[in-house]
Protein backbone atom coordinates (compact mmCIF):
# COMPACT_ATOMS: atom_id res chain seq x y z
CA MET A 1 -23.57 4.20 -11.02
CA THR A 2 -20.45 3.59 -8.95
CA THR A 3 -20.02 -0.02 -7.86
CA THR A 4 -19.46 -0.34 -4.14
CA VAL A 5 -19.44 -3.29 -1.78
CA ARG A 6 -22.73 -2.03 -0.36
CA ASN A 7 -24.31 -1.98 -3.84
CA ILE A 8 -23.19 -5.52 -4.51
CA MET A 9 -24.32 -6.90 -1.17
CA THR A 10 -27.73 -5.21 -1.28
CA LYS A 11 -28.45 -5.72 -4.95
CA LYS A 12 -31.92 -7.07 -5.55
CA LEU A 13 -32.27 -10.50 -7.08
CA GLU A 14 -32.68 -9.98 -10.79
CA THR A 15 -34.92 -12.12 -12.91
CA ILE A 16 -32.84 -14.95 -14.27
CA GLU A 17 -34.31 -16.79 -17.23
CA ASP A 18 -34.56 -20.57 -17.31
CA SER A 19 -34.11 -20.97 -13.55
CA ALA A 20 -35.57 -24.18 -12.21
CA SER A 21 -36.24 -22.60 -8.85
CA VAL A 22 -35.72 -19.52 -6.72
CA GLN A 23 -32.73 -21.28 -5.10
CA ASP A 24 -31.04 -21.68 -8.48
CA ALA A 25 -31.62 -18.01 -9.23
CA ALA A 26 -30.23 -17.01 -5.82
CA LYS A 27 -27.11 -19.13 -6.33
CA LYS A 28 -26.47 -17.58 -9.75
CA MET A 29 -26.86 -14.09 -8.29
CA LYS A 30 -24.58 -14.93 -5.34
CA ASP A 31 -21.88 -16.26 -7.68
CA LYS A 32 -22.12 -13.05 -9.73
CA SER A 33 -21.91 -10.90 -6.57
CA VAL A 34 -18.88 -12.79 -5.22
CA SER A 35 -17.11 -12.43 -8.55
CA SER A 36 -17.85 -8.68 -8.62
CA LEU A 37 -16.67 -8.27 -5.04
CA LEU A 38 -13.39 -10.09 -5.77
CA ASN A 39 -12.80 -7.84 -8.80
CA ILE A 40 -13.36 -4.74 -6.66
CA VAL A 41 -10.94 -5.98 -3.98
CA ALA A 42 -8.36 -6.85 -6.64
CA ASP A 43 -8.61 -3.31 -8.04
CA LEU A 44 -8.19 -1.81 -4.56
CA ILE A 45 -5.07 -3.91 -3.96
CA ASP A 46 -3.65 -3.04 -7.40
CA ASN A 47 -4.17 0.67 -6.68
CA ASN A 48 -2.56 0.41 -3.21
CA ARG A 49 -5.77 1.49 -1.49
CA ILE A 50 -5.71 -1.58 0.75
CA LYS A 51 -2.82 -3.84 1.67
CA SER A 52 -2.20 -7.28 3.06
CA THR A 53 -1.65 -7.86 6.75
CA LEU A 54 1.23 -10.23 5.96
CA THR A 55 4.13 -9.46 8.28
CA ASP A 56 6.22 -12.64 8.35
CA VAL A 57 7.10 -15.43 5.89
CA LEU A 58 8.92 -18.47 7.25
CA SER A 59 10.39 -20.87 4.72
CA PRO A 60 10.73 -23.79 4.25
CA ILE A 61 7.99 -25.56 6.17
CA ASN A 62 9.85 -27.61 8.74
CA ALA A 63 9.74 -28.30 12.47
CA GLU A 64 12.00 -25.36 13.35
CA ASN A 65 9.89 -22.83 11.46
CA LEU A 66 6.68 -24.31 12.83
CA ARG A 67 8.06 -23.78 16.35
CA LYS A 68 9.07 -20.19 15.49
CA ALA A 69 5.61 -19.38 14.11
CA HIS A 70 3.92 -20.97 17.11
CA CYS A 71 6.10 -19.04 19.55
CA LYS A 72 5.32 -15.76 17.76
CA LEU A 73 1.60 -16.44 18.00
CA GLU A 74 1.76 -17.54 21.63
CA SER A 75 3.75 -14.46 22.62
CA GLY A 76 0.70 -12.31 21.96
CA THR A 77 2.86 -9.63 20.34
CA SER A 78 2.51 -10.78 16.75
CA ILE A 79 0.66 -8.34 14.50
CA GLY A 80 -0.55 -9.42 11.07
CA LYS A 81 -0.29 -12.76 9.34
CA ILE A 82 2.47 -15.33 9.56
CA VAL A 83 2.91 -17.51 6.48
CA LEU A 84 4.77 -20.80 6.28
CA SER A 85 5.73 -21.60 2.68
CA ARG A 86 7.66 -24.08 0.54
CA PHE A 87 8.05 -27.67 1.58
């Protein structure tokens, strides 16, 4: 069976041995689903099937670059993500 996001999100709660409660079982299943979903997304990125929306990196983090990033966002013309990096 091919693993898809839909399969992961709609997967029925499996019987989990030694669970103290239904909530514990649900949390274990959720953690497993999140891990599977992250692996799928990582594969899609590695295979260039999806890409980041990163369009701008401003470095270092300082007052000038904070102003630049803020102006880009306020202009309403910015597309994608703006990242401030490195102190």
